[in-house]
N, C-alpha and C. Protein backbone atom coordinates (compact mmCIF):
# COMPACT_ATOMS: atom_id res chain seq x y z
N MET A 1 11.70 2.92 -10.35
CA MET A 1 11.58 1.55 -10.82
C MET A 1 12.11 0.59 -9.77
N GLY A 2 13.27 0.92 -9.21
CA GLY A 2 13.86 0.06 -8.20
C GLY A 2 12.96 -0.12 -7.00
N VAL A 3 12.34 0.96 -6.55
CA VAL A 3 11.43 0.89 -5.40
C VAL A 3 10.21 0.05 -5.74
N ALA A 4 9.63 0.27 -6.93
CA ALA A 4 8.46 -0.51 -7.34
C ALA A 4 8.80 -2.00 -7.43
N TYR A 5 9.98 -2.31 -7.96
CA TYR A 5 10.40 -3.71 -8.07
C TYR A 5 10.58 -4.33 -6.68
N MET A 6 11.26 -3.62 -5.78
CA MET A 6 11.49 -4.16 -4.44
C MET A 6 10.20 -4.31 -3.65
N ASP A 7 9.22 -3.46 -3.94
CA ASP A 7 7.92 -3.55 -3.27
C ASP A 7 6.95 -4.47 -4.00
N MET A 8 7.45 -5.15 -5.04
CA MET A 8 6.68 -6.13 -5.79
C MET A 8 5.38 -5.56 -6.36
N VAL A 9 5.46 -4.36 -6.94
CA VAL A 9 4.29 -3.76 -7.57
C VAL A 9 3.89 -4.65 -8.74
N PRO A 10 2.62 -5.07 -8.82
CA PRO A 10 2.19 -5.95 -9.91
C PRO A 10 2.43 -5.33 -11.29
N SER A 11 2.74 -6.17 -12.25
CA SER A 11 2.93 -5.81 -13.66
C SER A 11 4.23 -5.08 -13.95
N ILE A 12 5.11 -4.95 -12.97
CA ILE A 12 6.42 -4.34 -13.21
C ILE A 12 7.47 -5.43 -13.03
N ASP A 13 8.12 -5.78 -14.13
CA ASP A 13 9.09 -6.87 -14.08
C ASP A 13 10.41 -6.46 -13.44
N GLY A 14 10.91 -5.29 -13.79
CA GLY A 14 12.20 -4.85 -13.26
C GLY A 14 13.33 -5.79 -13.64
N ASP A 15 13.21 -6.43 -14.80
CA ASP A 15 14.18 -7.46 -15.17
C ASP A 15 15.49 -6.91 -15.71
N ARG A 16 15.67 -5.61 -15.76
CA ARG A 16 16.94 -5.04 -16.20
C ARG A 16 17.69 -4.39 -15.05
N GLY A 17 17.21 -4.61 -13.83
CA GLY A 17 17.92 -4.13 -12.66
C GLY A 17 17.98 -2.62 -12.55
N ASP A 18 16.96 -1.92 -13.01
CA ASP A 18 16.88 -0.47 -12.92
C ASP A 18 18.00 0.22 -13.72
N ALA A 19 18.40 -0.40 -14.83
CA ALA A 19 19.51 0.13 -15.63
C ALA A 19 19.05 0.97 -16.82
N CYS A 20 17.77 1.20 -16.96
CA CYS A 20 17.22 1.98 -18.09
C CYS A 20 17.61 1.36 -19.43
N ALA A 21 17.68 0.06 -19.49
CA ALA A 21 18.14 -0.61 -20.69
C ALA A 21 17.03 -1.33 -21.43
N CYS A 22 15.79 -1.00 -21.15
CA CYS A 22 14.69 -1.66 -21.85
C CYS A 22 13.52 -0.69 -21.94
N ALA A 23 12.42 -1.18 -22.44
CA ALA A 23 11.23 -0.33 -22.58
C ALA A 23 10.25 -0.57 -21.44
N ALA A 24 10.73 -1.05 -20.29
CA ALA A 24 9.84 -1.32 -19.16
C ALA A 24 9.24 -0.05 -18.57
N ARG A 25 9.74 1.09 -18.96
CA ARG A 25 9.22 2.35 -18.45
C ARG A 25 8.32 3.03 -19.48
N HIS A 26 7.72 2.23 -20.32
CA HIS A 26 6.81 2.73 -21.36
C HIS A 26 5.59 3.35 -20.67
N VAL A 27 5.30 4.59 -21.00
CA VAL A 27 4.12 5.27 -20.48
C VAL A 27 3.40 5.97 -21.62
N PHE A 28 2.17 6.30 -21.37
CA PHE A 28 1.39 7.10 -22.30
C PHE A 28 1.24 8.48 -21.67
N VAL A 29 1.63 9.50 -22.41
CA VAL A 29 1.55 10.87 -21.92
C VAL A 29 0.19 11.43 -22.32
N ASP A 30 -0.50 11.99 -21.35
CA ASP A 30 -1.78 12.63 -21.66
C ASP A 30 -1.53 13.65 -22.77
N GLU A 31 -2.37 13.65 -23.79
CA GLU A 31 -2.14 14.47 -24.98
C GLU A 31 -2.00 15.96 -24.68
N ALA A 32 -2.61 16.44 -23.61
CA ALA A 32 -2.48 17.85 -23.26
C ALA A 32 -1.04 18.21 -22.87
N TRP A 33 -0.23 17.20 -22.53
CA TRP A 33 1.14 17.43 -22.07
C TRP A 33 2.18 17.18 -23.15
N LEU A 34 1.81 16.55 -24.24
CA LEU A 34 2.78 16.19 -25.27
C LEU A 34 3.58 17.37 -25.80
N ALA A 35 2.94 18.50 -26.02
CA ALA A 35 3.63 19.66 -26.59
C ALA A 35 4.68 20.24 -25.65
N ARG A 36 4.58 19.93 -24.37
CA ARG A 36 5.54 20.45 -23.40
C ARG A 36 6.82 19.61 -23.32
N LEU A 37 6.78 18.43 -23.92
CA LEU A 37 7.94 17.54 -23.85
C LEU A 37 8.90 17.79 -25.01
N PRO A 38 10.19 17.60 -24.77
CA PRO A 38 11.14 17.72 -25.87
C PRO A 38 10.93 16.57 -26.86
N THR A 39 11.39 16.77 -28.07
CA THR A 39 11.31 15.72 -29.08
C THR A 39 12.12 14.51 -28.63
N MET A 40 11.64 13.33 -28.96
CA MET A 40 12.36 12.11 -28.60
C MET A 40 13.70 12.02 -29.33
N GLU A 41 14.70 11.58 -28.61
CA GLU A 41 15.99 11.31 -29.24
C GLU A 41 15.94 9.90 -29.84
N GLN A 42 16.86 9.60 -30.73
CA GLN A 42 16.86 8.32 -31.45
C GLN A 42 16.93 7.12 -30.50
N LEU A 43 17.67 7.24 -29.41
CA LEU A 43 17.77 6.12 -28.46
C LEU A 43 16.40 5.77 -27.88
N GLU A 44 15.62 6.79 -27.53
CA GLU A 44 14.28 6.53 -27.00
C GLU A 44 13.39 5.89 -28.05
N VAL A 45 13.47 6.36 -29.28
CA VAL A 45 12.69 5.77 -30.37
C VAL A 45 13.07 4.30 -30.54
N SER A 46 14.36 4.01 -30.51
CA SER A 46 14.84 2.63 -30.67
C SER A 46 14.36 1.74 -29.53
N MET A 47 14.38 2.26 -28.31
CA MET A 47 13.92 1.48 -27.16
C MET A 47 12.42 1.19 -27.27
N LEU A 48 11.66 2.17 -27.71
CA LEU A 48 10.21 1.96 -27.86
C LEU A 48 9.92 0.93 -28.94
N ASP A 49 10.80 0.80 -29.92
CA ASP A 49 10.63 -0.21 -30.96
C ASP A 49 10.66 -1.62 -30.38
N LEU A 50 11.18 -1.77 -29.18
CA LEU A 50 11.30 -3.10 -28.55
C LEU A 50 10.06 -3.52 -27.78
N THR A 51 9.07 -2.65 -27.72
CA THR A 51 7.87 -2.96 -26.94
C THR A 51 6.64 -2.99 -27.84
N THR A 52 5.53 -3.38 -27.27
CA THR A 52 4.27 -3.43 -28.02
C THR A 52 3.34 -2.32 -27.54
N GLY A 53 2.35 -2.00 -28.32
CA GLY A 53 1.35 -1.02 -27.93
C GLY A 53 1.80 0.43 -28.04
N VAL A 54 2.87 0.67 -28.78
CA VAL A 54 3.38 2.03 -28.93
C VAL A 54 2.44 2.83 -29.83
N CYS A 55 2.15 4.06 -29.42
CA CYS A 55 1.29 4.94 -30.20
C CYS A 55 1.76 6.38 -29.99
N LEU A 56 1.04 7.33 -30.55
CA LEU A 56 1.46 8.73 -30.51
C LEU A 56 1.87 9.22 -29.12
N PRO A 57 1.10 8.98 -28.07
CA PRO A 57 1.53 9.52 -26.77
C PRO A 57 2.54 8.66 -26.02
N SER A 58 3.13 7.64 -26.67
CA SER A 58 4.09 6.77 -26.00
C SER A 58 5.42 7.48 -25.77
N ARG A 59 5.97 7.31 -24.58
CA ARG A 59 7.29 7.81 -24.24
C ARG A 59 7.89 6.85 -23.21
N LEU A 60 9.17 7.00 -22.96
CA LEU A 60 9.81 6.27 -21.88
C LEU A 60 9.91 7.22 -20.70
N ALA A 61 9.30 6.86 -19.58
CA ALA A 61 9.23 7.75 -18.43
C ALA A 61 10.60 8.23 -17.99
N ARG A 62 11.59 7.37 -18.06
CA ARG A 62 12.92 7.73 -17.59
C ARG A 62 13.55 8.84 -18.44
N GLN A 63 13.05 9.04 -19.65
CA GLN A 63 13.59 10.07 -20.54
C GLN A 63 12.89 11.42 -20.37
N ILE A 64 11.86 11.47 -19.56
CA ILE A 64 11.14 12.73 -19.33
C ILE A 64 11.77 13.42 -18.12
N LYS A 65 12.46 14.50 -18.38
CA LYS A 65 13.13 15.25 -17.31
C LYS A 65 12.10 16.03 -16.49
N SER A 66 12.18 15.92 -15.20
CA SER A 66 11.27 16.61 -14.30
C SER A 66 11.64 18.10 -14.23
N THR A 67 10.70 18.93 -14.61
CA THR A 67 10.88 20.38 -14.55
C THR A 67 9.60 21.02 -14.02
N ALA A 68 9.71 22.28 -13.63
CA ALA A 68 8.52 23.00 -13.15
C ALA A 68 7.44 23.07 -14.24
N ASN A 69 7.87 23.07 -15.49
CA ASN A 69 6.95 23.11 -16.62
C ASN A 69 6.07 21.85 -16.69
N LEU A 70 6.52 20.79 -16.01
CA LEU A 70 5.78 19.52 -16.07
C LEU A 70 5.10 19.16 -14.75
N ASP A 71 4.96 20.14 -13.84
CA ASP A 71 4.23 19.87 -12.60
C ASP A 71 2.84 19.35 -12.94
N ASP A 72 2.45 18.29 -12.28
CA ASP A 72 1.12 17.67 -12.45
C ASP A 72 0.93 16.95 -13.79
N ILE A 73 2.03 16.58 -14.46
CA ILE A 73 1.91 15.83 -15.72
C ILE A 73 1.12 14.55 -15.47
N VAL A 74 0.37 14.14 -16.44
CA VAL A 74 -0.43 12.92 -16.35
C VAL A 74 0.19 11.85 -17.23
N LEU A 75 0.60 10.74 -16.61
CA LEU A 75 1.19 9.60 -17.31
C LEU A 75 0.37 8.37 -16.98
N LEU A 76 0.11 7.55 -17.98
CA LEU A 76 -0.59 6.29 -17.78
C LEU A 76 0.33 5.15 -18.19
N THR A 77 0.21 4.02 -17.52
CA THR A 77 1.03 2.87 -17.87
C THR A 77 0.20 1.88 -18.67
N PRO A 78 0.86 1.14 -19.57
CA PRO A 78 0.14 0.10 -20.32
C PRO A 78 -0.37 -0.99 -19.36
N VAL A 79 -1.28 -1.79 -19.83
CA VAL A 79 -1.84 -2.87 -18.99
C VAL A 79 -0.71 -3.79 -18.52
N GLY A 80 0.22 -4.14 -19.38
CA GLY A 80 1.35 -4.98 -19.00
C GLY A 80 2.65 -4.27 -19.27
N GLN A 81 3.54 -4.30 -18.33
CA GLN A 81 4.85 -3.67 -18.50
C GLN A 81 5.89 -4.76 -18.71
N HIS A 82 6.03 -5.21 -19.93
CA HIS A 82 7.00 -6.29 -20.21
C HIS A 82 8.02 -5.79 -21.20
C-alpha cells in the first residue's frame, strides 16, 4: 500500500498512512480461492462494514497471509478504493 501510494497509483487513497486501519485494502477473491482462505475474524468483518460493494468474495488483502497454498491467488480490486 505504501509503495502504491508513493507511486501515486490511481484510485488508491492511502489516507490512513499504511496503518491497516481502514477498508482501503478491500479486494474480491476469485471464488476458486475462497475455500483456501481462513475464516474472517471479527475485526476484518467490522472493517469491511465500513466500505461499500461488499459481497461474498470480499476480503481485506492485508488479512490474507501469504503461504505456498496461495501461490497464484487471483485478487481483484473494486473500481474505487475509498
